[in-house]
Amino acid sequence: MHQRTLAMATGFERYSKKTRRAEFLEEMEQVVPWEKLCALIEPHYPKAGNGRPPVGMERMLRMYFLQQWFNLSDPAVEEALYDSVVMREFVGIDLGREPVPDETTICKFRHLLEEHGLGGEMLETVNVYLEGQGVRITTGTIVDATIIHAPSSTKNREQKRDPEMHQTKKGNQWHFGMKAHIGVDVASGVVHTLTGTAANEADINQTAALLHGQEGVVFADAGYAGADKRPELADCDVCWNIAIKRSIIKALPKVLRELAEPVEQALAQVRAWVEHPFHVVKNLFRHKKLRYRGLAKNTAQLHTLFALANLVIVKKSLLAPSQI
């Protein structure tokens, strides 16, 4: 083992490189509406009194967002902050003066957000902020859903799977978990509404909850066929663009099939925008498996994840050209 140099011991290394993590956090520093989100949490946050003074609210919010961006548990985000200088700079922690808030403090902050339903309000606050920046919710919505897996193991305190999660069959494969149903703006690609259900819930049942009410047109895949005939959507004066099942198109005469296929392909290109938020949450944020038990906790987290995904999707338009 080589002997440690003075540079290694004091942090004055000769060589360095800005990592993708550092670049990402610099961008998020600029695009996240910190003041508006802190104002949302402030009425519910503990005030200083006779006991132990609370950790700064914005600091806890930054730690919570690190958990979402990098898919970290409460203990893992505490350890990551001790390990990563870039993360500590983002949160504003100087280990020469203070320790990192422990995992219990982080857990209590998350429970505070869940208790007061602030996840959904975060999504709404971010969208209002984006509208003020010129990213407007237009008169078109794309609806879709994705399955997020839950642990199927029974090696836990109750020795059983989460009773609020269910299994469903997609294709020839069974999945156990929940569904995230989203309504996405057709022009900007941002998520404006979200609901969470068990995985066996039919997509079409959540259609009404995913519309903001000002749509003139709705796009959806074949799983939403018949949505226009649902009683809760009878009064919706919208143009429905729902994909035709492939088996139906194949059964058409050749002349009609040649007319229908280009139209379906064009509509599919529009519907593809709904996959962008799913890509950010499941691939960039690596949220492919649920961490908590129960629909309420996981839906609260999903609201935060998709609020942050909206900022990632439109970050180029929010950053100055010289900073992109």
C-alpha atoms as a PDB file:
ATOM      1  CA  MET A   1       0.000   0.000   0.000  1.00  0.00           C
ATOM      2  CA  HIS A   2       1.374   3.399  -1.003  1.00  0.00           C
ATOM      3  CA  GLN A   3       2.021   6.030   1.638  1.00  0.00           C
ATOM      4  CA  ARG A   4      -0.530   8.845   1.767  1.00  0.00           C
ATOM      5  CA  THR A   5       0.733  12.173   0.437  1.00  0.00           C
ATOM      6  CA  LEU A   6       0.076  15.556   2.047  1.00  0.00           C
ATOM      7  CA  ALA A   7      -2.345  16.346  -0.798  1.00  0.00           C
ATOM      8  CA  MET A   8      -4.397  13.228  -0.031  1.00  0.00           C
ATOM      9  CA  ALA A   9      -4.526  14.084   3.654  1.00  0.00           C
ATOM     10  CA  THR A  10      -5.479  17.745   3.253  1.00  0.00           C
ATOM     11  CA  GLY A  11      -7.623  17.624   0.116  1.00  0.00           C
ATOM     12  CA  PHE A  12      -5.251  19.687  -2.065  1.00  0.00           C
ATOM     13  CA  GLU A  13      -4.998  17.142  -4.881  1.00  0.00           C
ATOM     14  CA  ARG A  14      -3.278  18.262  -8.048  1.00  0.00           C
ATOM     15  CA  TYR A  15      -5.724  16.692 -10.470  1.00  0.00           C
ATOM     16  CA  SER A  16      -9.495  16.971 -10.577  1.00  0.00           C
ATOM     17  CA  LYS A  17     -12.392  16.621 -12.985  1.00  0.00           C
ATOM     18  CA  LYS A  18     -15.949  17.850 -12.840  1.00  0.00           C
ATOM     19  CA  THR A  19     -18.094  14.728 -12.677  1.00  0.00           C
ATOM     20  CA  ARG A  20     -21.541  14.254 -14.184  1.00  0.00           C
ATOM     21  CA  ARG A  21     -22.928  14.235 -10.655  1.00  0.00           C
ATOM     22  CA  ALA A  22     -21.390  17.649  -9.992  1.00  0.00           C
ATOM     23  CA  GLU A  23     -22.723  19.029 -13.269  1.00  0.00           C
ATOM     24  CA  PHE A  24     -26.193  17.667 -12.542  1.00  0.00           C
ATOM     25  CA  LEU A  25     -26.285  19.201  -9.051  1.00  0.00           C
ATOM     26  CA  GLU A  26     -25.103  22.556 -10.426  1.00  0.00           C
ATOM     27  CA  GLU A  27     -28.006  22.495 -12.893  1.00  0.00           C
ATOM     28  CA  MET A  28     -30.525  21.512 -10.215  1.00  0.00           C
ATOM     29  CA  GLU A  29     -29.214  24.295  -7.970  1.00  0.00           C
ATOM     30  CA  GLN A  30     -30.350  26.730 -10.647  1.00  0.00           C
ATOM     31  CA  VAL A  31     -33.618  25.213 -11.854  1.00  0.00           C
ATOM     32  CA  VAL A  32     -35.261  24.099  -8.577  1.00  0.00           C
ATOM     33  CA  PRO A  33     -37.540  26.850  -7.155  1.00  0.00           C
ATOM     34  CA  TRP A  34     -36.078  26.614  -3.639  1.00  0.00           C
ATOM     35  CA  GLU A  35     -37.863  29.651  -2.196  1.00  0.00           C
ATOM     36  CA  LYS A  36     -41.303  28.524  -3.375  1.00  0.00           C
ATOM     37  CA  LEU A  37     -40.841  24.973  -2.095  1.00  0.00           C
ATOM     38  CA  CYS A  38     -39.502  26.162   1.261  1.00  0.00           C
ATOM     39  CA  ALA A  39     -42.486  28.508   1.586  1.00  0.00           C
ATOM     40  CA  LEU A  40     -44.735  25.489   0.982  1.00  0.00           C
ATOM     41  CA  ILE A  41     -43.114  23.485   3.816  1.00  0.00           C
ATOM     42  CA  GLU A  42     -42.462  26.316   6.280  1.00  0.00           C
ATOM     43  CA  PRO A  43     -45.945  26.397   7.950  1.00  0.00           C
ATOM     44  CA  HIS A  44     -45.567  22.717   8.898  1.00  0.00           C
ATOM     45  CA  TYR A  45     -41.878  22.694   9.853  1.00  0.00           C
ATOM     46  CA  PRO A  46     -40.918  22.556  13.568  1.00  0.00           C
ATOM     47  CA  LYS A  47     -40.018  25.892  15.134  1.00  0.00           C
ATOM     48  CA  ALA A  48     -37.101  26.500  17.468  1.00  0.00           C
ATOM     49  CA  GLY A  49     -38.109  26.235  21.119  1.00  0.00           C
ATOM     50  CA  ASN A  50     -36.748  24.946  24.387  1.00  0.00           C
ATOM     51  CA  GLY A  51     -35.600  21.615  22.981  1.00  0.00           C
ATOM     52  CA  ARG A  52     -33.066  20.689  20.360  1.00  0.00           C
ATOM     53  CA  PRO A  53     -33.101  23.293  17.549  1.00  0.00           C
ATOM     54  CA  PRO A  54     -34.374  21.905  14.232  1.00  0.00           C
ATOM     55  CA  VAL A  55     -32.036  21.471  11.268  1.00  0.00           C
ATOM     56  CA  GLY A  56     -32.419  24.156   8.601  1.00  0.00           C
ATOM     57  CA  MET A  57     -35.482  23.495   6.457  1.00  0.00           C
ATOM     58  CA  GLU A  58     -33.803  24.085   3.087  1.00  0.00           C
ATOM     59  CA  ARG A  59     -30.941  21.818   4.110  1.00  0.00           C
ATOM     60  CA  MET A  60     -33.383  18.987   4.848  1.00  0.00           C
ATOM     61  CA  LEU A  61     -35.187  19.612   1.555  1.00  0.00           C
ATOM     62  CA  ARG A  62     -31.896  19.367  -0.322  1.00  0.00           C
ATOM     63  CA  MET A  63     -31.079  16.092   1.428  1.00  0.00           C
ATOM     64  CA  TYR A  64     -34.544  14.769   0.570  1.00  0.00           C
ATOM     65  CA  PHE A  65     -34.043  15.657  -3.089  1.00  0.00           C
ATOM     66  CA  LEU A  66     -30.658  13.907  -3.098  1.00  0.00           C
ATOM     67  CA  GLN A  67     -32.498  10.777  -1.981  1.00  0.00           C
ATOM     68  CA  GLN A  68     -34.844  11.039  -4.963  1.00  0.00           C
ATOM     69  CA  TRP A  69     -32.215  11.865  -7.582  1.00  0.00           C
ATOM     70  CA  PHE A  70     -29.816   9.090  -6.563  1.00  0.00           C
ATOM     71  CA  ASN A  71     -32.284   6.515  -5.154  1.00  0.00           C
ATOM     72  CA  LEU A  72     -30.845   6.524  -1.625  1.00  0.00           C
ATOM     73  CA  SER A  73     -32.355   5.190   1.583  1.00  0.00           C
ATOM     74  CA  ASP A  74     -32.240   7.225   4.802  1.00  0.00           C
ATOM     75  CA  PRO A  75     -28.990   5.586   6.031  1.00  0.00           C
ATOM     76  CA  ALA A  76     -27.494   5.683   2.525  1.00  0.00           C
ATOM     77  CA  VAL A  77     -27.975   9.425   2.052  1.00  0.00           C
ATOM     78  CA  GLU A  78     -26.320  10.081   5.416  1.00  0.00           C
ATOM     79  CA  GLU A  79     -23.312   7.967   4.406  1.00  0.00           C
ATOM     80  CA  ALA A  80     -23.199   9.516   0.925  1.00  0.00           C
ATOM     81  CA  LEU A  81     -22.940  12.991   2.444  1.00  0.00           C
ATOM     82  CA  TYR A  82     -19.979  11.923   4.569  1.00  0.00           C
ATOM     83  CA  ASP A  83     -18.399  10.334   1.512  1.00  0.00           C
ATOM     84  CA  SER A  84     -19.072  12.947  -1.212  1.00  0.00           C
ATOM     85  CA  VAL A  85     -17.677  16.485  -1.132  1.00  0.00           C
ATOM     86  CA  VAL A  86     -19.939  17.467  -4.041  1.00  0.00           C
ATOM     87  CA  MET A  87     -23.073  16.403  -2.160  1.00  0.00           C
ATOM     88  CA  ARG A  88     -21.981  18.206   1.004  1.00  0.00           C
ATOM     89  CA  GLU A  89     -21.400  21.407  -0.968  1.00  0.00           C
ATOM     90  CA  PHE A  90     -24.861  21.092  -2.516  1.00  0.00           C
ATOM     91  CA  VAL A  91     -26.503  20.664   0.902  1.00  0.00           C
ATOM     92  CA  GLY A  92     -24.238  23.229   2.583  1.00  0.00           C
ATOM     93  CA  ILE A  93     -22.564  21.071   5.232  1.00  0.00           C
ATOM     94  CA  ASP A  94     -19.068  21.825   6.566  1.00  0.00           C
ATOM     95  CA  LEU A  95     -17.784  18.800   8.480  1.00  0.00           C
ATOM     96  CA  GLY A  96     -15.285  21.063  10.225  1.00  0.00           C
ATOM     97  CA  ARG A  97     -18.211  22.705  12.025  1.00  0.00           C
ATOM     98  CA  GLU A  98     -21.098  20.253  12.118  1.00  0.00           C
ATOM     99  CA  PRO A  99     -22.026  16.627  11.426  1.00  0.00           C
ATOM    100  CA  VAL A 100     -24.409  15.392   8.762  1.00  0.00           C
ATOM    101  CA  PRO A 101     -28.001  15.098  10.077  1.00  0.00           C
ATOM    102  CA  ASP A 102     -28.529  11.468  11.008  1.00  0.00           C
ATOM    103  CA  GLU A 103     -30.884   9.039   9.288  1.00  0.00           C
ATOM    104  CA  THR A 104     -33.577   9.488  11.965  1.00  0.00           C
ATOM    105  CA  THR A 105     -33.766  13.219  11.236  1.00  0.00           C
ATOM    106  CA  ILE A 106     -34.066  12.496   7.525  1.00  0.00           C
ATOM    107  CA  CYS A 107     -36.813   9.935   8.173  1.00  0.00           C
ATOM    108  CA  LYS A 108     -38.782  12.412  10.316  1.00  0.00           C
ATOM    109  CA  PHE A 109     -38.597  15.031   7.556  1.00  0.00           C
ATOM    110  CA  ARG A 110     -39.966  12.549   5.023  1.00  0.00           C
ATOM    111  CA  HIS A 111     -42.794  11.616   7.408  1.00  0.00           C
ATOM    112  CA  LEU A 112     -43.630  15.315   7.817  1.00  0.00           C
ATOM    113  CA  LEU A 113     -44.034  15.677   4.035  1.00  0.00           C
ATOM    114  CA  GLU A 114     -46.207  12.562   3.914  1.00  0.00           C
ATOM    115  CA  GLU A 115     -48.358  13.583   6.881  1.00  0.00           C
ATOM    116  CA  HIS A 116     -49.280  16.941   5.347  1.00  0.00           C
ATOM    117  CA  GLY A 117     -49.622  15.702   1.770  1.00  0.00           C
ATOM    118  CA  LEU A 118     -46.893  18.014   0.534  1.00  0.00           C
ATOM    119  CA  GLY A 119     -45.767  15.712  -2.292  1.00  0.00           C
ATOM    120  CA  GLY A 120     -48.783  16.565  -4.436  1.00  0.00           C
ATOM    121  CA  GLU A 121     -48.428  20.240  -3.548  1.00  0.00           C
ATOM    122  CA  MET A 122     -44.774  20.117  -4.625  1.00  0.00           C
ATOM    123  CA  LEU A 123     -45.828  18.912  -8.073  1.00  0.00           C
ATOM    124  CA  GLU A 124     -48.379  21.708  -8.315  1.00  0.00           C
ATOM    125  CA  THR A 125     -45.897  24.324  -7.050  1.00  0.00           C
ATOM    126  CA  VAL A 126     -43.266  23.250  -9.583  1.00  0.00           C
ATOM    127  CA  ASN A 127     -45.801  23.423 -12.429  1.00  0.00           C
ATOM    128  CA  VAL A 128     -46.951  26.909 -11.381  1.00  0.00           C
ATOM    129  CA  TYR A 129     -43.307  27.976 -11.306  1.00  0.00           C
ATOM    130  CA  LEU A 130     -42.697  26.491 -14.768  1.00  0.00           C
ATOM    131  CA  GLU A 131     -45.753  28.294 -16.103  1.00  0.00           C
ATOM    132  CA  GLY A 132     -44.250  31.536 -14.830  1.00  0.00           C
ATOM    133  CA  GLN A 133     -41.090  30.679 -16.758  1.00  0.00           C
ATOM    134  CA  GLY A 134     -43.027  30.240 -19.991  1.00  0.00           C
ATOM    135  CA  VAL A 135     -43.611  26.469 -19.849  1.00  0.00           C
ATOM    136  CA  ARG A 136     -47.385  26.423 -20.136  1.00  0.00           C
ATOM    137  CA  ILE A 137     -49.896  23.607 -19.739  1.00  0.00           C
ATOM    138  CA  THR A 138     -51.744  23.580 -23.063  1.00  0.00           C
ATOM    139  CA  THR A 139     -55.045  22.110 -24.168  1.00  0.00           C
ATOM    140  CA  GLY A 140     -53.786  18.594 -24.893  1.00  0.00           C
ATOM    141  CA  THR A 141     -53.087  15.704 -22.502  1.00  0.00           C
ATOM    142  CA  ILE A 142     -51.463  12.301 -22.949  1.00  0.00           C
ATOM    143  CA  VAL A 143     -52.403   9.668 -20.370  1.00  0.00           C
ATOM    144  CA  ASP A 144     -50.527   6.494 -19.554  1.00  0.00           C
ATOM    145  CA  ALA A 145     -49.433   4.279 -16.659  1.00  0.00           C
ATOM    146  CA  THR A 146     -46.359   2.302 -15.675  1.00  0.00           C
ATOM    147  CA  ILE A 147     -45.845  -0.562 -13.232  1.00  0.00           C
ATOM    148  CA  ILE A 148     -43.346  -0.079 -10.415  1.00  0.00           C
ATOM    149  CA  HIS A 149     -42.345  -3.297  -8.723  1.00  0.00           C
ATOM    150  CA  ALA A 150     -42.657  -3.913  -4.998  1.00  0.00           C
ATOM    151  CA  PRO A 151     -40.547  -6.407  -3.024  1.00  0.00           C
ATOM    152  CA  SER A 152     -42.241  -9.795  -3.186  1.00  0.00           C
ATOM    153  CA  SER A 153     -40.198 -11.246  -0.331  1.00  0.00           C
ATOM    154  CA  THR A 154     -41.930 -12.220   2.929  1.00  0.00           C
ATOM    155  CA  LYS A 155     -38.732 -11.847   4.983  1.00  0.00           C
ATOM    156  CA  ASN A 156     -40.007  -8.905   7.022  1.00  0.00           C
ATOM    157  CA  ARG A 157     -41.610  -8.189  10.383  1.00  0.00           C
ATOM    158  CA  GLU A 158     -45.112  -9.216   9.264  1.00  0.00           C
ATOM    159  CA  GLN A 159     -43.754 -12.133   7.196  1.00  0.00           C
ATOM    160  CA  LYS A 160     -46.004 -11.260   4.265  1.00  0.00           C
ATOM    161  CA  ARG A 161     -46.038  -9.120   1.168  1.00  0.00           C
ATOM    162  CA  ASP A 162     -47.400  -5.589   1.206  1.00  0.00           C
ATOM    163  CA  PRO A 163     -51.203  -6.085   1.350  1.00  0.00           C
ATOM    164  CA  GLU A 164     -51.845  -2.857  -0.597  1.00  0.00           C
ATOM    165  CA  MET A 165     -49.840  -4.084  -3.593  1.00  0.00           C
ATOM    166  CA  HIS A 166     -51.180  -6.587  -6.105  1.00  0.00           C
ATOM    167  CA  GLN A 167     -50.004  -8.578  -9.057  1.00  0.00           C
ATOM    168  CA  THR A 168     -51.006  -8.169 -12.669  1.00  0.00           C
ATOM    169  CA  LYS A 169     -50.146  -9.863 -15.926  1.00  0.00           C
ATOM    170  CA  LYS A 170     -48.605  -7.863 -18.752  1.00  0.00           C
ATOM    171  CA  GLY A 171     -47.957  -9.896 -21.855  1.00  0.00           C
ATOM    172  CA  ASN A 172     -46.804 -13.262 -20.593  1.00  0.00           C
ATOM    173  CA  GLN A 173     -45.183 -11.948 -17.411  1.00  0.00           C
ATOM    174  CA  TRP A 174     -46.596 -11.378 -13.938  1.00  0.00           C
ATOM    175  CA  HIS A 175     -45.685  -8.193 -12.017  1.00  0.00           C
ATOM    176  CA  PHE A 176     -46.226  -7.397  -8.326  1.00  0.00           C
ATOM    177  CA  GLY A 177     -46.403  -3.784  -7.205  1.00  0.00           C
ATOM    178  CA  MET A 178     -48.285  -0.579  -8.008  1.00  0.00           C
ATOM    179  CA  LYS A 179     -49.092   1.614 -10.980  1.00  0.00           C
ATOM    180  CA  ALA A 180     -48.208   5.258 -11.473  1.00  0.00           C
ATOM    181  CA  HIS A 181     -50.862   6.872 -13.694  1.00  0.00           C
ATOM    182  CA  ILE A 182     -49.874  10.238 -15.181  1.00  0.00           C
ATOM    183  CA  GLY A 183     -51.350  12.975 -17.328  1.00  0.00           C
ATOM    184  CA  VAL A 184     -48.704  14.706 -19.457  1.00  0.00           C
ATOM    185  CA  ASP A 185     -48.982  17.981 -21.341  1.00  0.00           C
ATOM    186  CA  VAL A 186     -48.789  17.302 -25.069  1.00  0.00           C
ATOM    187  CA  ALA A 187     -46.704  20.412 -25.845  1.00  0.00           C
ATOM    188  CA  SER A 188     -44.181  20.669 -23.002  1.00  0.00           C
ATOM    189  CA  GLY A 189     -44.017  17.028 -21.878  1.00  0.00           C
ATOM    190  CA  VAL A 190     -44.429  17.898 -18.191  1.00  0.00           C
ATOM    191  CA  VAL A 191     -46.578  15.850 -15.826  1.00  0.00           C
ATOM    192  CA  HIS A 192     -49.558  17.810 -14.516  1.00  0.00           C
ATOM    193  CA  THR A 193     -51.532  15.089 -12.692  1.00  0.00           C
ATOM    194  CA  LEU A 194     -50.671  11.778 -11.045  1.00  0.00           C
ATOM    195  CA  THR A 195     -52.443   8.991  -9.195  1.00  0.00           C
ATOM    196  CA  GLY A 196     -51.101   5.823  -7.606  1.00  0.00           C
ATOM    197  CA  THR A 197     -52.994   2.513  -7.492  1.00  0.00           C
ATOM    198  CA  ALA A 198     -52.320  -1.177  -7.049  1.00  0.00           C
ATOM    199  CA  ALA A 199     -50.903  -2.865 -10.147  1.00  0.00           C
ATOM    200  CA  ASN A 200     -54.133  -4.704 -10.933  1.00  0.00           C
ATOM    201  CA  GLU A 201     -56.106  -1.471 -11.398  1.00  0.00           C
ATOM    202  CA  ALA A 202     -57.251  -1.007 -15.005  1.00  0.00           C
ATOM    203  CA  ASP A 203     -55.659   2.036 -16.655  1.00  0.00           C
ATOM    204  CA  ILE A 204     -58.998   3.278 -17.959  1.00  0.00           C
ATOM    205  CA  ASN A 205     -60.418   3.626 -14.420  1.00  0.00           C
ATOM    206  CA  GLN A 206     -58.052   6.516 -13.675  1.00  0.00           C
ATOM    207  CA  THR A 207     -58.646   8.495 -16.870  1.00  0.00           C
ATOM    208  CA  ALA A 208     -60.909  11.109 -15.309  1.00  0.00           C
ATOM    209  CA  ALA A 209     -58.427  11.774 -12.492  1.00  0.00           C
ATOM    210  CA  LEU A 210     -55.643  12.477 -14.984  1.00  0.00           C
ATOM    211  CA  LEU A 211     -57.372  15.295 -16.875  1.00  0.00           C
ATOM    212  CA  HIS A 212     -57.011  18.903 -15.712  1.00  0.00           C
ATOM    213  CA  GLY A 213     -60.353  19.900 -17.274  1.00  0.00           C
ATOM    214  CA  GLN A 214     -59.150  22.340 -19.932  1.00  0.00           C
ATOM    215  CA  GLU A 215     -58.186  19.764 -22.555  1.00  0.00           C
ATOM    216  CA  GLY A 216     -59.412  19.925 -26.100  1.00  0.00           C
ATOM    217  CA  VAL A 217     -57.707  16.670 -27.060  1.00  0.00           C
ATOM    218  CA  VAL A 218     -56.608  13.510 -25.229  1.00  0.00           C
ATOM    219  CA  PHE A 219     -54.118  10.925 -26.470  1.00  0.00           C
ATOM    220  CA  ALA A 220     -53.937   7.386 -25.062  1.00  0.00           C
ATOM    221  CA  ASP A 221     -52.921   3.856 -25.970  1.00  0.00           C
ATOM    222  CA  ALA A 222     -55.276   0.956 -26.647  1.00  0.00           C
ATOM    223  CA  GLY A 223     -55.676   0.256 -22.927  1.00  0.00           C
ATOM    224  CA  TYR A 224     -57.983   3.291 -22.730  1.00  0.00           C
ATOM    225  CA  ALA A 225     -60.344   2.142 -25.478  1.00  0.00           C
ATOM    226  CA  GLY A 226     -63.902   3.106 -24.554  1.00  0.00           C
ATOM    227  CA  ALA A 227     -62.876   5.918 -22.209  1.00  0.00           C
ATOM    228  CA  ASP A 228     -65.190   8.329 -24.034  1.00  0.00           C
ATOM    229  CA  LYS A 229     -68.144   6.142 -23.071  1.00  0.00           C
ATOM    230  CA  ARG A 230     -67.400   6.105 -19.343  1.00  0.00           C
ATOM    231  CA  PRO A 231     -70.115   7.857 -17.265  1.00  0.00           C
ATOM    232  CA  GLU A 232     -67.594  10.007 -15.365  1.00  0.00           C
ATOM    233  CA  LEU A 233     -66.267  11.312 -18.709  1.00  0.00           C
ATOM    234  CA  ALA A 234     -69.624  11.795 -20.422  1.00  0.00           C
ATOM    235  CA  ASP A 235     -69.486  15.589 -19.961  1.00  0.00           C
ATOM    236  CA  CYS A 236     -65.899  15.938 -21.241  1.00  0.00           C
ATOM    237  CA  ASP A 237     -65.986  17.824 -24.528  1.00  0.00           C
ATOM    238  CA  VAL A 238     -62.673  16.564 -25.897  1.00  0.00           C
ATOM    239  CA  CYS A 239     -61.366  14.896 -29.035  1.00  0.00           C
ATOM    240  CA  TRP A 240     -60.285  11.382 -28.099  1.00  0.00           C
ATOM    241  CA  ASN A 241     -57.271   9.945 -29.931  1.00  0.00           C
ATOM    242  CA  ILE A 242     -57.027   6.386 -28.622  1.00  0.00           C
ATOM    243  CA  ALA A 243     -54.847   3.833 -30.349  1.00  0.00           C
ATOM    244  CA  ILE A 244     -56.563   1.034 -32.247  1.00  0.00           C
ATOM    245  CA  LYS A 245     -55.542  -2.450 -31.205  1.00  0.00           C
ATOM    246  CA  ARG A 246     -53.021  -4.003 -33.563  1.00  0.00           C
ATOM    247  CA  SER A 247     -55.195  -7.096 -34.045  1.00  0.00           C
ATOM    248  CA  ILE A 248     -58.031  -4.891 -35.334  1.00  0.00           C
ATOM    249  CA  ILE A 249     -55.770  -3.107 -37.846  1.00  0.00           C
ATOM    250  CA  LYS A 250     -54.415  -6.418 -39.130  1.00  0.00           C
ATOM    251  CA  ALA A 251     -57.976  -7.648 -39.699  1.00  0.00           C
ATOM    252  CA  LEU A 252     -58.826  -4.679 -41.941  1.00  0.00           C
ATOM    253  CA  PRO A 253     -58.862  -5.009 -45.710  1.00  0.00           C
ATOM    254  CA  LYS A 254     -55.568  -4.020 -47.311  1.00  0.00           C
ATOM    255  CA  VAL A 255     -56.854  -0.683 -48.619  1.00  0.00           C
ATOM    256  CA  LEU A 256     -58.158   0.408 -45.219  1.00  0.00           C
ATOM    257  CA  ARG A 257     -55.069  -0.938 -43.448  1.00  0.00           C
ATOM    258  CA  GLU A 258     -52.802   1.170 -45.655  1.00  0.00           C
ATOM    259  CA  LEU A 259     -54.816   4.228 -44.675  1.00  0.00           C
ATOM    260  CA  ALA A 260     -54.982   3.432 -40.968  1.00  0.00           C
ATOM    261  CA  GLU A 261     -51.339   2.522 -40.351  1.00  0.00           C
ATOM    262  CA  PRO A 262     -49.818   5.969 -41.172  1.00  0.00           C
ATOM    263  CA  VAL A 263     -52.411   7.669 -38.958  1.00  0.00           C
ATOM    264  CA  GLU A 264     -51.678   5.290 -36.084  1.00  0.00           C
ATOM    265  CA  GLN A 265     -47.938   5.836 -36.534  1.00  0.00           C
ATOM    266  CA  ALA A 266     -48.385   9.630 -36.369  1.00  0.00           C
ATOM    267  CA  LEU A 267     -50.478   9.343 -33.203  1.00  0.00           C
ATOM    268  CA  ALA A 268     -47.897   6.988 -31.679  1.00  0.00           C
ATOM    269  CA  GLN A 269     -45.213   9.641 -32.169  1.00  0.00           C
ATOM    270  CA  VAL A 270     -47.325  12.070 -30.137  1.00  0.00           C
ATOM    271  CA  ARG A 271     -48.025   9.502 -27.413  1.00  0.00           C
ATOM    272  CA  ALA A 272     -44.286   8.808 -27.150  1.00  0.00           C
ATOM    273  CA  TRP A 273     -43.882  12.049 -25.167  1.00  0.00           C
ATOM    274  CA  VAL A 274     -45.498  10.341 -22.180  1.00  0.00           C
ATOM    275  CA  GLU A 275     -42.522   7.979 -21.956  1.00  0.00           C
ATOM    276  CA  HIS A 276     -40.060  10.792 -21.186  1.00  0.00           C
ATOM    277  CA  PRO A 277     -41.148  11.317 -17.536  1.00  0.00           C
ATOM    278  CA  PHE A 278     -41.151   7.541 -17.033  1.00  0.00           C
ATOM    279  CA  HIS A 279     -37.615   7.389 -18.431  1.00  0.00           C
ATOM    280  CA  VAL A 280     -36.396  10.103 -16.061  1.00  0.00           C
ATOM    281  CA  VAL A 281     -37.944   8.538 -12.961  1.00  0.00           C
ATOM    282  CA  LYS A 282     -37.153   4.891 -13.710  1.00  0.00           C
ATOM    283  CA  ASN A 283     -33.808   5.178 -15.520  1.00  0.00           C
ATOM    284  CA  LEU A 284     -32.176   8.470 -14.497  1.00  0.00           C
ATOM    285  CA  PHE A 285     -33.470   8.468 -10.901  1.00  0.00           C
ATOM    286  CA  ARG A 286     -33.372   4.615 -10.860  1.00  0.00           C
ATOM    287  CA  HIS A 287     -36.744   4.304  -9.149  1.00  0.00           C
ATOM    288  CA  LYS A 288     -37.613   0.866 -10.521  1.00  0.00           C
ATOM    289  CA  LYS A 289     -38.607  -0.738  -7.218  1.00  0.00           C
ATOM    290  CA  LEU A 290     -40.670   0.627  -4.336  1.00  0.00           C
ATOM    291  CA  ARG A 291     -38.796   1.340  -1.118  1.00  0.00           C
ATOM    292  CA  TYR A 292     -41.730   1.810   1.291  1.00  0.00           C
ATOM    293  CA  ARG A 293     -44.847  -0.153   2.209  1.00  0.00           C
ATOM    294  CA  GLY A 294     -48.337   1.100   1.404  1.00  0.00           C
ATOM    295  CA  LEU A 295     -49.794   3.126  -1.459  1.00  0.00           C
ATOM    296  CA  ALA A 296     -49.910   6.419   0.430  1.00  0.00           C
ATOM    297  CA  LYS A 297     -46.167   6.612   1.149  1.00  0.00           C
ATOM    298  CA  ASN A 298     -45.152   5.486  -2.308  1.00  0.00           C
ATOM    299  CA  THR A 299     -47.618   7.800  -4.072  1.00  0.00           C
ATOM    300  CA  ALA A 300     -46.291  10.727  -2.003  1.00  0.00           C
ATOM    301  CA  GLN A 301     -42.782   9.888  -3.166  1.00  0.00           C
ATOM    302  CA  LEU A 302     -43.941   9.590  -6.774  1.00  0.00           C
ATOM    303  CA  HIS A 303     -45.382  13.101  -6.661  1.00  0.00           C
ATOM    304  CA  THR A 304     -41.957  14.413  -5.638  1.00  0.00           C
ATOM    305  CA  LEU A 305     -40.159  12.282  -8.228  1.00  0.00           C
ATOM    306  CA  PHE A 306     -42.319  13.508 -11.095  1.00  0.00           C
ATOM    307  CA  ALA A 307     -42.069  17.117  -9.889  1.00  0.00           C
ATOM    308  CA  LEU A 308     -38.279  16.783 -10.081  1.00  0.00           C
ATOM    309  CA  ALA A 309     -38.605  14.965 -13.416  1.00  0.00           C
ATOM    310  CA  ASN A 310     -40.486  17.980 -14.819  1.00  0.00           C
ATOM    311  CA  LEU A 311     -37.532  20.191 -13.930  1.00  0.00           C
ATOM    312  CA  VAL A 312     -35.125  17.795 -15.642  1.00  0.00           C
ATOM    313  CA  ILE A 313     -37.294  17.643 -18.772  1.00  0.00           C
ATOM    314  CA  VAL A 314     -37.393  21.436 -19.235  1.00  0.00           C
ATOM    315  CA  LYS A 315     -34.034  22.364 -17.687  1.00  0.00           C
ATOM    316  CA  LYS A 316     -32.538  23.423 -21.024  1.00  0.00           C
ATOM    317  CA  SER A 317     -35.194  26.090 -21.465  1.00  0.00           C
ATOM    318  CA  LEU A 318     -34.710  27.268 -17.862  1.00  0.00           C
ATOM    319  CA  LEU A 319     -30.916  27.582 -18.000  1.00  0.00           C
ATOM    320  CA  ALA A 320     -29.228  30.494 -19.754  1.00  0.00           C
ATOM    321  CA  PRO A 321     -27.754  29.530 -23.158  1.00  0.00           C
ATOM    322  CA  SER A 322     -24.240  30.044 -21.831  1.00  0.00           C
ATOM    323  CA  GLN A 323     -24.894  27.552 -19.021  1.00  0.00           C
ATOM    324  CA  ILE A 324     -26.321  24.697 -21.086  1.00  0.00           C
END
